[in-house]
Structure formats: structure tokens, C-alpha cells
Amino acid sequence: MGNKRFSPDGHENKGEKKRSFQGNQFTVEADVNFVSTSAEKLKNNSEFEVNHDMGVTIGQTARNYADNVDKARILRAENTAKANCKEARTLRRDLKAAENDNFEETEGLLYAPVITD
């Protein structure tokens, strides 16, 4: 038997390649890996066992809350990264300007317009 690929609704995908949709810096594949790893950790967590023994199920409200917290965390991380990049660009620009000023002071203007006699 060859490798068959099935869509989420159970139909066979004939010859279709695996697709990767990208948004911002996160991919669907990375999210799937994160969710599966999180599910394994949750299943191995002692709190999960206690909740399961007590018959407590996590509902849609808790899931929505967790999704909102995750979105806020990702947005905060992206904004922090953007601010750090902006600060680094500003520092590089200031450093380059200081180097140019220092060069002009030490070497003088080599090609300054002068009036010759």
C-alpha cells in the first residue's frame, strides 16, 4: 500500500502536497506541534488525573479563555520583538553617525571646497 493522505473529513487526497499556511512568524505546522505537545503534557499532568477522577471536564469557556491568553501572549511577544528591533536600528544609526563625526574630526574634511590662490 502506498502512502495515502486523507483530509480531516476522511476523503483521500490524491497527489496533493502538504500545504503550509503562514501568518506573521508562526505556521500552522508549528501550532499543531505545539498543541499536540501541550496535550501530551496535559495528559501526563497530575491535575488532569485528578480532574478526570472527579469527573471535571474543561468546557468551551475555559478553552476560549486559554486561546485569548495565548493570543495576548503572542501579540505581546511580537510587539516586544518589534520594539527591540527598532531600538537596535536606532542604536546602529546613532553609532554610525558618531563614527562619521569622529572621522571628520580626526581626519578633517579631505575633499572640502577651498579657494586656491
PDB file of N, CA and C in Angstrom:
ATOM      1  N   MET A   1       0.840  -1.192   0.000  1.00  0.00           N
ATOM      2  CA  MET A   1       0.000   0.000   0.000  1.00  0.00           C
ATOM      3  C   MET A   1       0.872   1.238   0.000  1.00  0.00           C
ATOM      4  N   GLY A   2       0.499   2.176  -0.823  1.00  0.00           N
ATOM      5  CA  GLY A   2       1.236   3.425  -0.863  1.00  0.00           C
ATOM      6  C   GLY A   2       0.799   4.336   0.267  1.00  0.00           C
ATOM      7  N   ASN A   3       1.497   5.413   0.370  1.00  0.00           N
ATOM      8  CA  ASN A   3       1.133   6.391   1.393  1.00  0.00           C
ATOM      9  C   ASN A   3      -0.090   7.155   0.924  1.00  0.00           C
ATOM     10  N   LYS A   4      -1.167   7.016   1.639  1.00  0.00           N
ATOM     11  CA  LYS A   4      -2.385   7.741   1.298  1.00  0.00           C
ATOM     12  C   LYS A   4      -2.545   8.894   2.266  1.00  0.00           C
ATOM     13  N   ARG A   5      -2.999   9.997   1.729  1.00  0.00           N
ATOM     14  CA  ARG A   5      -3.248  11.162   2.570  1.00  0.00           C
ATOM     15  C   ARG A   5      -4.748  11.392   2.634  1.00  0.00           C
ATOM     16  N   PHE A   6      -5.219  11.674   3.808  1.00  0.00           N
ATOM     17  CA  PHE A   6      -6.634  11.898   3.994  1.00  0.00           C
ATOM     18  C   PHE A   6      -6.856  13.292   4.544  1.00  0.00           C
ATOM     19  N   SER A   7      -7.929  13.904   4.097  1.00  0.00           N
ATOM     20  CA  SER A   7      -8.298  15.219   4.610  1.00  0.00           C
ATOM     21  C   SER A   7      -8.992  15.021   5.954  1.00  0.00           C
ATOM     22  N   PRO A   8      -9.207  16.114   6.702  1.00  0.00           N
ATOM     23  CA  PRO A   8      -9.864  15.977   8.010  1.00  0.00           C
ATOM     24  C   PRO A   8     -11.250  15.344   7.939  1.00  0.00           C
ATOM     25  N   ASP A   9     -11.935  15.483   6.769  1.00  0.00           N
ATOM     26  CA  ASP A   9     -13.269  14.897   6.676  1.00  0.00           C
ATOM     27  C   ASP A   9     -13.229  13.442   6.210  1.00  0.00           C
ATOM     28  N   GLY A  10     -12.015  12.840   6.035  1.00  0.00           N
ATOM     29  CA  GLY A  10     -11.889  11.431   5.741  1.00  0.00           C
ATOM     30  C   GLY A  10     -11.728  11.092   4.279  1.00  0.00           C
ATOM     31  N   HIS A  11     -11.778  12.075   3.387  1.00  0.00           N
ATOM     32  CA  HIS A  11     -11.614  11.809   1.967  1.00  0.00           C
ATOM     33  C   HIS A  11     -10.142  11.726   1.614  1.00  0.00           C
ATOM     34  N   GLU A  12      -9.856  10.864   0.635  1.00  0.00           N
ATOM     35  CA  GLU A  12      -8.464  10.672   0.234  1.00  0.00           C
ATOM     36  C   GLU A  12      -8.021  11.840  -0.640  1.00  0.00           C
ATOM     37  N   ASN A  13      -6.838  12.389  -0.348  1.00  0.00           N
ATOM     38  CA  ASN A  13      -6.248  13.443  -1.172  1.00  0.00           C
ATOM     39  C   ASN A  13      -5.322  12.776  -2.172  1.00  0.00           C
ATOM     40  N   LYS A  14      -5.635  12.866  -3.439  1.00  0.00           N
ATOM     41  CA  LYS A  14      -4.823  12.199  -4.456  1.00  0.00           C
ATOM     42  C   LYS A  14      -3.787  13.165  -4.995  1.00  0.00           C
ATOM     43  N   GLY A  15      -2.537  12.897  -4.671  1.00  0.00           N
ATOM     44  CA  GLY A  15      -1.441  13.665  -5.238  1.00  0.00           C
ATOM     45  C   GLY A  15      -1.292  15.076  -4.705  1.00  0.00           C
ATOM     46  N   GLU A  16      -2.049  15.449  -3.711  1.00  0.00           N
ATOM     47  CA  GLU A  16      -1.924  16.803  -3.185  1.00  0.00           C
ATOM     48  C   GLU A  16      -0.738  16.877  -2.246  1.00  0.00           C
ATOM     49  N   LYS A  17      -0.022  17.956  -2.351  1.00  0.00           N
ATOM     50  CA  LYS A  17       1.134  18.146  -1.479  1.00  0.00           C
ATOM     51  C   LYS A  17       0.681  18.753  -0.160  1.00  0.00           C
ATOM     52  N   LYS A  18       1.519  18.558   0.843  1.00  0.00           N
ATOM     53  CA  LYS A  18       1.264  19.133   2.162  1.00  0.00           C
ATOM     54  C   LYS A  18       1.402  20.647   2.067  1.00  0.00           C
ATOM     55  N   ARG A  19       0.423  21.357   2.564  1.00  0.00           N
ATOM     56  CA  ARG A  19       0.440  22.812   2.469  1.00  0.00           C
ATOM     57  C   ARG A  19       0.809  23.426   3.804  1.00  0.00           C
ATOM     58  N   SER A  20       1.496  24.543   3.712  1.00  0.00           N
ATOM     59  CA  SER A  20       1.872  25.270   4.918  1.00  0.00           C
ATOM     60  C   SER A  20       1.397  26.704   4.764  1.00  0.00           C
ATOM     61  N   PHE A  21       0.483  27.115   5.612  1.00  0.00           N
ATOM     62  CA  PHE A  21      -0.016  28.477   5.577  1.00  0.00           C
ATOM     63  C   PHE A  21       0.720  29.278   6.621  1.00  0.00           C
ATOM     64  N   GLN A  22       1.214  30.438   6.225  1.00  0.00           N
ATOM     65  CA  GLN A  22       1.985  31.234   7.164  1.00  0.00           C
ATOM     66  C   GLN A  22       1.249  32.530   7.461  1.00  0.00           C
ATOM     67  N   GLY A  23       1.282  32.909   8.729  1.00  0.00           N
ATOM     68  CA  GLY A  23       0.746  34.168   9.169  1.00  0.00           C
ATOM     69  C   GLY A  23       1.683  34.716  10.219  1.00  0.00           C
ATOM     70  N   ASN A  24       2.097  35.936  10.049  1.00  0.00           N
ATOM     71  CA  ASN A  24       3.114  36.528  10.912  1.00  0.00           C
ATOM     72  C   ASN A  24       4.338  35.631  10.892  1.00  0.00           C
ATOM     73  N   GLN A  25       4.854  35.254  12.044  1.00  0.00           N
ATOM     74  CA  GLN A  25       6.030  34.398  12.069  1.00  0.00           C
ATOM     75  C   GLN A  25       5.689  32.980  12.512  1.00  0.00           C
ATOM     76  N   PHE A  26       4.419  32.663  12.648  1.00  0.00           N
ATOM     77  CA  PHE A  26       4.007  31.361  13.124  1.00  0.00           C
ATOM     78  C   PHE A  26       3.335  30.598  11.992  1.00  0.00           C
ATOM     79  N   THR A  27       3.559  29.290  11.907  1.00  0.00           N
ATOM     80  CA  THR A  27       2.950  28.471  10.873  1.00  0.00           C
ATOM     81  C   THR A  27       1.929  27.536  11.497  1.00  0.00           C
ATOM     82  N   VAL A  28       1.081  27.013  10.646  1.00  0.00           N
ATOM     83  CA  VAL A  28       0.070  26.072  11.112  1.00  0.00           C
ATOM     84  C   VAL A  28       0.750  24.823  11.663  1.00  0.00           C
ATOM     85  N   GLU A  29       1.828  24.375  10.994  1.00  0.00           N
ATOM     86  CA  GLU A  29       2.535  23.179  11.455  1.00  0.00           C
ATOM     87  C   GLU A  29       3.104  23.384  12.855  1.00  0.00           C
ATOM     88  N   ALA A  30       3.663  24.562  13.109  1.00  0.00           N
ATOM     89  CA  ALA A  30       4.218  24.846  14.432  1.00  0.00           C
ATOM     90  C   ALA A  30       3.111  24.850  15.481  1.00  0.00           C
ATOM     91  N   ASP A  31       1.953  25.421  15.108  1.00  0.00           N
ATOM     92  CA  ASP A  31       0.834  25.440  16.046  1.00  0.00           C
ATOM     93  C   ASP A  31       0.349  24.026  16.349  1.00  0.00           C
ATOM     94  N   VAL A  32       0.294  23.176  15.317  1.00  0.00           N
ATOM     95  CA  VAL A  32      -0.153  21.794  15.515  1.00  0.00           C
ATOM     96  C   VAL A  32       0.824  21.057  16.427  1.00  0.00           C
ATOM     97  N   ASN A  33       2.120  21.258  16.185  1.00  0.00           N
ATOM     98  CA  ASN A  33       3.121  20.621  17.048  1.00  0.00           C
ATOM     99  C   ASN A  33       2.995  21.107  18.481  1.00  0.00           C
ATOM    100  N   PHE A  34       2.780  22.412  18.653  1.00  0.00           N
ATOM    101  CA  PHE A  34       2.634  22.985  19.988  1.00  0.00           C
ATOM    102  C   PHE A  34       1.415  22.403  20.691  1.00  0.00           C
ATOM    103  N   VAL A  35       0.293  22.324  19.969  1.00  0.00           N
ATOM    104  CA  VAL A  35      -0.941  21.821  20.573  1.00  0.00           C
ATOM    105  C   VAL A  35      -0.792  20.350  20.947  1.00  0.00           C
ATOM    106  N   SER A  36      -0.182  19.559  20.063  1.00  0.00           N
ATOM    107  CA  SER A  36      -0.037  18.135  20.384  1.00  0.00           C
ATOM    108  C   SER A  36       0.900  17.940  21.576  1.00  0.00           C
ATOM    109  N   THR A  37       1.975  18.732  21.634  1.00  0.00           N
ATOM    110  CA  THR A  37       2.886  18.644  22.775  1.00  0.00           C
ATOM    111  C   THR A  37       2.174  19.079  24.051  1.00  0.00           C
ATOM    112  N   SER A  38       1.384  20.153  23.953  1.00  0.00           N
ATOM    113  CA  SER A  38       0.643  20.628  25.123  1.00  0.00           C
ATOM    114  C   SER A  38      -0.366  19.585  25.590  1.00  0.00           C
ATOM    115  N   ALA A  39      -1.013  18.913  24.635  1.00  0.00           N
ATOM    116  CA  ALA A  39      -1.993  17.886  25.001  1.00  0.00           C
ATOM    117  C   ALA A  39      -1.312  16.721  25.715  1.00  0.00           C
ATOM    118  N   GLU A  40      -0.132  16.337  25.227  1.00  0.00           N
ATOM    119  CA  GLU A  40       0.600  15.253  25.893  1.00  0.00           C
ATOM    120  C   GLU A  40       0.999  15.660  27.306  1.00  0.00           C
ATOM    121  N   LYS A  41       1.467  16.893  27.458  1.00  0.00           N
ATOM    122  CA  LYS A  41       1.856  17.362  28.788  1.00  0.00           C
ATOM    123  C   LYS A  41       0.648  17.405  29.713  1.00  0.00           C
ATOM    124  N   LEU A  42      -0.492  17.859  29.169  1.00  0.00           N
ATOM    125  CA  LEU A  42      -1.707  17.936  29.977  1.00  0.00           C
ATOM    126  C   LEU A  42      -2.153  16.544  30.401  1.00  0.00           C
ATOM    127  N   LYS A  43      -2.065  15.598  29.476  1.00  0.00           N
ATOM    128  CA  LYS A  43      -2.490  14.239  29.791  1.00  0.00           C
ATOM    129  C   LYS A  43      -1.589  13.617  30.855  1.00  0.00           C
ATOM    130  N   ASN A  44      -0.304  13.934  30.813  1.00  0.00           N
ATOM    131  CA  ASN A  44       0.631  13.389  31.789  1.00  0.00           C
ATOM    132  C   ASN A  44       0.643  14.187  33.091  1.00  0.00           C
ATOM    133  N   ASN A  45      -0.098  15.274  33.128  1.00  0.00           N
ATOM    134  CA  ASN A  45      -0.142  16.144  34.294  1.00  0.00           C
ATOM    135  C   ASN A  45      -1.003  15.505  35.390  1.00  0.00           C
ATOM    136  N   SER A  46      -0.579  15.650  36.626  1.00  0.00           N
ATOM    137  CA  SER A  46      -1.332  15.063  37.741  1.00  0.00           C
ATOM    138  C   SER A  46      -2.676  15.763  37.929  1.00  0.00           C
ATOM    139  N   GLU A  47      -2.756  17.058  37.597  1.00  0.00           N
ATOM    140  CA  GLU A  47      -4.029  17.765  37.739  1.00  0.00           C
ATOM    141  C   GLU A  47      -5.071  17.173  36.800  1.00  0.00           C
ATOM    142  N   PHE A  48      -4.628  16.761  35.608  1.00  0.00           N
ATOM    143  CA  PHE A  48      -5.556  16.144  34.665  1.00  0.00           C
ATOM    144  C   PHE A  48      -6.149  14.869  35.253  1.00  0.00           C
ATOM    145  N   GLU A  49      -5.297  14.072  35.900  1.00  0.00           N
ATOM    146  CA  GLU A  49      -5.775  12.825  36.504  1.00  0.00           C
ATOM    147  C   GLU A  49      -6.794  13.109  37.604  1.00  0.00           C
ATOM    148  N   VAL A  50      -6.515  14.123  38.417  1.00  0.00           N
ATOM    149  CA  VAL A  50      -7.445  14.482  39.498  1.00  0.00           C
ATOM    150  C   VAL A  50      -8.764  14.959  38.909  1.00  0.00           C
ATOM    151  N   ASN A  51      -8.694  15.839  37.903  1.00  0.00           N
ATOM    152  CA  ASN A  51      -9.922  16.326  37.267  1.00  0.00           C
ATOM    153  C   ASN A  51     -10.694  15.177  36.630  1.00  0.00           C
ATOM    154  N   HIS A  52      -9.986  14.256  36.003  1.00  0.00           N
ATOM    155  CA  HIS A  52     -10.645  13.117  35.364  1.00  0.00           C
ATOM    156  C   HIS A  52     -11.325  12.233  36.411  1.00  0.00           C
ATOM    157  N   ASP A  53     -10.639  11.977  37.519  1.00  0.00           N
ATOM    158  CA  ASP A  53     -11.213  11.154  38.588  1.00  0.00           C
ATOM    159  C   ASP A  53     -12.437  11.821  39.203  1.00  0.00           C
ATOM    160  N   MET A  54     -12.422  13.155  39.292  1.00  0.00           N
ATOM    161  CA  MET A  54     -13.552  13.882  39.868  1.00  0.00           C
ATOM    162  C   MET A  54     -14.667  14.078  38.859  1.00  0.00           C
ATOM    163  N   GLY A  55     -14.397  13.804  37.590  1.00  0.00           N
ATOM    164  CA  GLY A  55     -15.422  13.975  36.567  1.00  0.00           C
ATOM    165  C   GLY A  55     -15.524  15.397  36.057  1.00  0.00           C
ATOM    166  N   VAL A  56     -14.495  16.188  36.271  1.00  0.00           N
ATOM    167  CA  VAL A  56     -14.499  17.576  35.816  1.00  0.00           C
ATOM    168  C   VAL A  56     -14.016  17.613  34.367  1.00  0.00           C
ATOM    169  N   THR A  57     -14.791  18.260  33.524  1.00  0.00           N
ATOM    170  CA  THR A  57     -14.364  18.435  32.135  1.00  0.00           C
ATOM    171  C   THR A  57     -14.141  19.917  31.877  1.00  0.00           C
ATOM    172  N   ILE A  58     -13.170  20.177  31.053  1.00  0.00           N
ATOM    173  CA  ILE A  58     -12.872  21.564  30.698  1.00  0.00           C
ATOM    174  C   ILE A  58     -13.779  21.944  29.541  1.00  0.00           C
ATOM    175  N   GLY A  59     -14.549  23.001  29.719  1.00  0.00           N
ATOM    176  CA  GLY A  59     -15.535  23.387  28.725  1.00  0.00           C
ATOM    177  C   GLY A  59     -15.016  24.394  27.715  1.00  0.00           C
ATOM    178  N   GLN A  60     -15.944  24.842  26.862  1.00  0.00           N
ATOM    179  CA  GLN A  60     -15.617  25.775  25.791  1.00  0.00           C
ATOM    180  C   GLN A  60     -15.171  27.123  26.343  1.00  0.00           C
ATOM    181  N   THR A  61     -15.728  27.550  27.462  1.00  0.00           N
ATOM    182  CA  THR A  61     -15.348  28.832  28.050  1.00  0.00           C
ATOM    183  C   THR A  61     -13.889  28.824  28.476  1.00  0.00           C
ATOM    184  N   ALA A  62     -13.466  27.737  29.103  1.00  0.00           N
ATOM    185  CA  ALA A  62     -12.063  27.627  29.515  1.00  0.00           C
ATOM    186  C   ALA A  62     -11.150  27.599  28.299  1.00  0.00           C
ATOM    187  N   ARG A  63     -11.582  26.911  27.256  1.00  0.00           N
ATOM    188  CA  ARG A  63     -10.776  26.856  26.026  1.00  0.00           C
ATOM    189  C   ARG A  63     -10.674  28.245  25.397  1.00  0.00           C
ATOM    190  N   ASN A  64     -11.784  28.962  25.334  1.00  0.00           N
ATOM    191  CA  ASN A  64     -11.760  30.317  24.775  1.00  0.00           C
ATOM    192  C   ASN A  64     -10.847  31.222  25.587  1.00  0.00           C
ATOM    193  N   TYR A  65     -10.907  31.094  26.907  1.00  0.00           N
ATOM    194  CA  TYR A  65     -10.036  31.890  27.769  1.00  0.00           C
ATOM    195  C   TYR A  65      -8.570  31.572  27.486  1.00  0.00           C
ATOM    196  N   ALA A  66      -8.243  30.286  27.382  1.00  0.00           N
ATOM    197  CA  ALA A  66      -6.857  29.886  27.095  1.00  0.00           C
ATOM    198  C   ALA A  66      -6.413  30.412  25.733  1.00  0.00           C
ATOM    199  N   ASP A  67      -7.308  30.354  24.739  1.00  0.00           N
ATOM    200  CA  ASP A  67      -6.974  30.881  23.410  1.00  0.00           C
ATOM    201  C   ASP A  67      -6.713  32.381  23.467  1.00  0.00           C
ATOM    202  N   ASN A  68      -7.550  33.110  24.218  1.00  0.00           N
ATOM    203  CA  ASN A  68      -7.361  34.560  24.336  1.00  0.00           C
ATOM    204  C   ASN A  68      -6.053  34.895  25.042  1.00  0.00           C
ATOM    205  N   VAL A  69      -5.732  34.135  26.083  1.00  0.00           N
ATOM    206  CA  VAL A  69      -4.470  34.359  26.800  1.00  0.00           C
ATOM    207  C   VAL A  69      -3.288  34.082  25.875  1.00  0.00           C
ATOM    208  N   ASP A  70      -3.376  33.005  25.081  1.00  0.00           N
ATOM    209  CA  ASP A  70      -2.302  32.680  24.139  1.00  0.00           C
ATOM    210  C   ASP A  70      -2.142  33.772  23.088  1.00  0.00           C
ATOM    211  N   LYS A  71      -3.262  34.258  22.553  1.00  0.00           N
ATOM    212  CA  LYS A  71      -3.188  35.323  21.542  1.00  0.00           C
ATOM    213  C   LYS A  71      -2.552  36.579  22.131  1.00  0.00           C
ATOM    214  N   ALA A  72      -2.930  36.917  23.357  1.00  0.00           N
ATOM    215  CA  ALA A  72      -2.353  38.097  24.010  1.00  0.00           C
ATOM    216  C   ALA A  72      -0.861  37.907  24.245  1.00  0.00           C
ATOM    217  N   ARG A  73      -0.453  36.700  24.633  1.00  0.00           N
ATOM    218  CA  ARG A  73       0.965  36.408  24.868  1.00  0.00           C
ATOM    219  C   ARG A  73       1.759  36.523  23.570  1.00  0.00           C
ATOM    220  N   ILE A  74       1.225  35.986  22.488  1.00  0.00           N
ATOM    221  CA  ILE A  74       1.911  36.055  21.196  1.00  0.00           C
ATOM    222  C   ILE A  74       2.005  37.494  20.720  1.00  0.00           C
ATOM    223  N   LEU A  75       0.918  38.254  20.855  1.00  0.00           N
ATOM    224  CA  LEU A  75       0.929  39.658  20.444  1.00  0.00           C
ATOM    225  C   LEU A  75       1.943  40.454  21.250  1.00  0.00           C
ATOM    226  N   ARG A  76       1.992  40.202  22.556  1.00  0.00           N
ATOM    227  CA  ARG A  76       2.957  40.894  23.414  1.00  0.00           C
ATOM    228  C   ARG A  76       4.389  40.542  23.005  1.00  0.00           C
ATOM    229  N   ALA A  77       4.640  39.282  22.690  1.00  0.00           N
ATOM    230  CA  ALA A  77       5.978  38.858  22.266  1.00  0.00           C
ATOM    231  C   ALA A  77       6.359  39.496  20.936  1.00  0.00           C
ATOM    232  N   GLU A  78       5.411  39.564  20.000  1.00  0.00           N
ATOM    233  CA  GLU A  78       5.692  40.194  18.706  1.00  0.00           C
ATOM    234  C   GLU A  78       5.976  41.677  18.876  1.00  0.00           C
ATOM    235  N   ASN A  79       5.197  42.354  19.724  1.00  0.00           N
ATOM    236  CA  ASN A  79       5.425  43.781  19.952  1.00  0.00           C
ATOM    237  C   ASN A  79       6.763  44.031  20.626  1.00  0.00           C
ATOM    238  N   THR A  80       7.136  43.167  21.562  1.00  0.00           N
ATOM    239  CA  THR A  80       8.439  43.297  22.222  1.00  0.00           C
ATOM    240  C   THR A  80       9.565  43.110  21.220  1.00  0.00           C
ATOM    241  N   ALA A  81       9.432  42.103  20.356  1.00  0.00           N
ATOM    242  CA  ALA A  81      10.457  41.858  19.337  1.00  0.00           C
ATOM    243  C   ALA A  81      10.556  43.041  18.380  1.00  0.00           C
ATOM    244  N   LYS A  82       9.405  43.601  18.009  1.00  0.00           N
ATOM    245  CA  LYS A  82       9.404  44.747  17.101  1.00  0.00           C
ATOM    246  C   LYS A  82      10.075  45.951  17.758  1.00  0.00           C
ATOM    247  N   ALA A  83       9.786  46.182  19.030  1.00  0.00           N
ATOM    248  CA  ALA A  83      10.398  47.305  19.745  1.00  0.00           C
ATOM    249  C   ALA A  83      11.904  47.111  19.878  1.00  0.00           C
ATOM    250  N   ASN A  84      12.332  45.875  20.156  1.00  0.00           N
ATOM    251  CA  ASN A  84      13.765  45.602  20.267  1.00  0.00           C
ATOM    252  C   ASN A  84      14.478  45.822  18.939  1.00  0.00           C
ATOM    253  N   CYS A  85      13.859  45.415  17.840  1.00  0.00           N
ATOM    254  CA  CYS A  85      14.457  45.629  16.516  1.00  0.00           C
ATOM    255  C   CYS A  85      14.564  47.120  16.212  1.00  0.00           C
ATOM    256  N   LYS A  86      13.518  47.864  16.551  1.00  0.00           N
ATOM    257  CA  LYS A  86      13.532  49.303  16.301  1.00  0.00           C
ATOM    258  C   LYS A  86      14.629  49.973  17.119  1.00  0.00           C
ATOM    259  N   GLU A  87      14.762  49.566  18.377  1.00  0.00           N
ATOM    260  CA  GLU A  87      15.799  50.133  19.236  1.00  0.00           C
ATOM    261  C   GLU A  87      17.191  49.800  18.697  1.00  0.00           C
ATOM    262  N   ALA A  88      17.373  48.580  18.216  1.00  0.00           N
ATOM    263  CA  ALA A  88      18.671  48.180  17.659  1.00  0.00           C
ATOM    264  C   ALA A  88      18.997  48.994  16.411  1.00  0.00           C
ATOM    265  N   ARG A  89      18.005  49.226  15.551  1.00  0.00           N
ATOM    266  CA  ARG A  89      18.238  50.049  14.348  1.00  0.00           C
ATOM    267  C   ARG A  89      18.635  51.466  14.734  1.00  0.00           C
ATOM    268  N   THR A  90      17.952  52.027  15.725  1.00  0.00           N
ATOM    269  CA  THR A  90      18.266  53.381  16.181  1.00  0.00           C
ATOM    270  C   THR A  90      19.683  53.447  16.738  1.00  0.00           C
ATOM    271  N   LEU A  91      20.068  52.455  17.529  1.00  0.00           N
ATOM    272  CA  LEU A  91      21.423  52.436  18.094  1.00  0.00           C
ATOM    273  C   LEU A  91      22.480  52.314  16.998  1.00  0.00           C
ATOM    274  N   ARG A  92      22.230  51.456  15.998  1.00  0.00           N
ATOM    275  CA  ARG A  92      23.188  51.321  14.891  1.00  0.00           C
ATOM    276  C   ARG A  92      23.328  52.630  14.120  1.00  0.00           C
ATOM    277  N   ARG A  93      22.204  53.304  13.875  1.00  0.00           N
ATOM    278  CA  ARG A  93      22.235  54.575  13.153  1.00  0.00           C
ATOM    279  C   ARG A  93      23.006  55.625  13.949  1.00  0.00           C
ATOM    280  N   ASP A  94      22.764  55.698  15.262  1.00  0.00           N
ATOM    281  CA  ASP A  94      23.478  56.660  16.105  1.00  0.00           C
ATOM    282  C   ASP A  94      24.968  56.345  16.161  1.00  0.00           C
ATOM    283  N   LEU A  95      25.314  55.059  16.236  1.00  0.00           N
ATOM    284  CA  LEU A  95      26.719  54.657  16.260  1.00  0.00           C
ATOM    285  C   LEU A  95      27.418  55.034  14.961  1.00  0.00           C
ATOM    286  N   LYS A  96      26.747  54.795  13.845  1.00  0.00           N
ATOM    287  CA  LYS A  96      27.335  55.139  12.549  1.00  0.00           C
ATOM    288  C   LYS A  96      27.512  56.655  12.427  1.00  0.00           C
ATOM    289  N   ALA A  97      26.536  57.437  12.897  1.00  0.00           N
ATOM    290  CA  ALA A  97      26.654  58.898  12.859  1.00  0.00           C
ATOM    291  C   ALA A  97      27.813  59.360  13.737  1.00  0.00           C
ATOM    292  N   ALA A  98      27.981  58.737  14.912  1.00  0.00           N
ATOM    293  CA  ALA A  98      29.089  59.101  15.801  1.00  0.00           C
ATOM    294  C   ALA A  98      30.428  58.754  15.157  1.00  0.00           C
ATOM    295  N   GLU A  99      30.501  57.606  14.478  1.00  0.00           N
ATOM    296  CA  GLU A  99      31.739  57.235  13.783  1.00  0.00           C
ATOM    297  C   GLU A  99      32.069  58.233  12.682  1.00  0.00           C
ATOM    298  N   ASN A 100      31.062  58.659  11.937  1.00  0.00           N
ATOM    299  CA  ASN A 100      31.285  59.645  10.871  1.00  0.00           C
ATOM    300  C   ASN A 100      31.758  60.978  11.443  1.00  0.00           C
ATOM    301  N   ASP A 101      31.136  61.410  12.538  1.00  0.00           N
ATOM    302  CA  ASP A 101      31.560  62.663  13.173  1.00  0.00           C
ATOM    303  C   ASP A 101      32.996  62.555  13.673  1.00  0.00           C
ATOM    304  N   ASN A 102      33.332  61.421  14.283  1.00  0.00           N
ATOM    305  CA  ASN A 102      34.684  61.200  14.785  1.00  0.00           C
ATOM    306  C   ASN A 102      35.687  61.190  13.636  1.00  0.00           C
ATOM    307  N   PHE A 103      35.332  60.571  12.529  1.00  0.00           N
ATOM    308  CA  PHE A 103      36.223  60.524  11.370  1.00  0.00           C
ATOM    309  C   PHE A 103      36.482  61.928  10.832  1.00  0.00           C
ATOM    310  N   GLU A 104      35.418  62.739  10.739  1.00  0.00           N
ATOM    311  CA  GLU A 104      35.581  64.105  10.237  1.00  0.00           C
ATOM    312  C   GLU A 104      36.461  64.928  11.164  1.00  0.00           C
ATOM    313  N   GLU A 105      36.338  64.709  12.480  1.00  0.00           N
ATOM    314  CA  GLU A 105      37.150  65.469  13.431  1.00  0.00           C
ATOM    315  C   GLU A 105      38.616  65.056  13.372  1.00  0.00           C
ATOM    316  N   THR A 106      38.890  63.753  13.261  1.00  0.00           N
ATOM    317  CA  THR A 106      40.287  63.295  13.286  1.00  0.00           C
ATOM    318  C   THR A 106      40.974  63.482  11.944  1.00  0.00           C
ATOM    319  N   GLU A 107      40.313  63.184  10.859  1.00  0.00           N
ATOM    320  CA  GLU A 107      40.935  63.265   9.535  1.00  0.00           C
ATOM    321  C   GLU A 107      40.726  64.622   8.877  1.00  0.00           C
ATOM    322  N   GLY A 108      39.726  65.324   9.322  1.00  0.00           N
ATOM    323  CA  GLY A 108      39.400  66.586   8.671  1.00  0.00           C
ATOM    324  C   GLY A 108      38.658  66.308   7.376  1.00  0.00           C
ATOM    325  N   LEU A 109      38.166  67.340   6.788  1.00  0.00           N
ATOM    326  CA  LEU A 109      37.474  67.166   5.521  1.00  0.00           C
ATOM    327  C   LEU A 109      38.517  67.101   4.418  1.00  0.00           C
ATOM    328  N   LEU A 110      38.684  65.933   3.836  1.00  0.00           N
ATOM    329  CA  LEU A 110      39.704  65.742   2.808  1.00  0.00           C
ATOM    330  C   LEU A 110      39.319  66.403   1.492  1.00  0.00           C
ATOM    331  N   TYR A 111      38.067  66.444   1.216  1.00  0.00           N
ATOM    332  CA  TYR A 111      37.623  66.971  -0.067  1.00  0.00           C
ATOM    333  C   TYR A 111      36.730  68.193   0.128  1.00  0.00           C
ATOM    334  N   ALA A 112      37.123  69.086   1.006  1.00  0.00           N
ATOM    335  CA  ALA A 112      36.341  70.288   1.251  1.00  0.00           C
ATOM    336  C   ALA A 112      36.595  71.282   0.122  1.00  0.00           C
ATOM    337  N   PRO A 113      35.583  72.013  -0.255  1.00  0.00           N
ATOM    338  CA  PRO A 113      35.795  73.027  -1.293  1.00  0.00           C
ATOM    339  C   PRO A 113      36.640  74.177  -0.727  1.00  0.00           C
ATOM    340  N   VAL A 114      37.716  74.489  -1.400  1.00  0.00           N
ATOM    341  CA  VAL A 114      38.586  75.586  -0.966  1.00  0.00           C
ATOM    342  C   VAL A 114      38.899  76.477  -2.161  1.00  0.00           C
ATOM    343  N   ILE A 115      39.250  77.706  -1.863  1.00  0.00           N
ATOM    344  CA  ILE A 115      39.655  78.646  -2.909  1.00  0.00           C
ATOM    345  C   ILE A 115      41.170  78.619  -2.975  1.00  0.00           C
ATOM    346  N   THR A 116      41.696  78.307  -4.121  1.00  0.00           N
ATOM    347  CA  THR A 116      43.151  78.252  -4.276  1.00  0.00           C
ATOM    348  C   THR A 116      43.664  79.607  -4.716  1.00  0.00           C
ATOM    349  N   ASP A 117      44.857  79.929  -4.312  1.00  0.00           N
ATOM    350  CA  ASP A 117      45.452  81.212  -4.690  1.00  0.00           C
ATOM    351  C   ASP A 117      46.276  81.095  -5.929  1.00  0.00           C
TER     352      ASP A 117
END
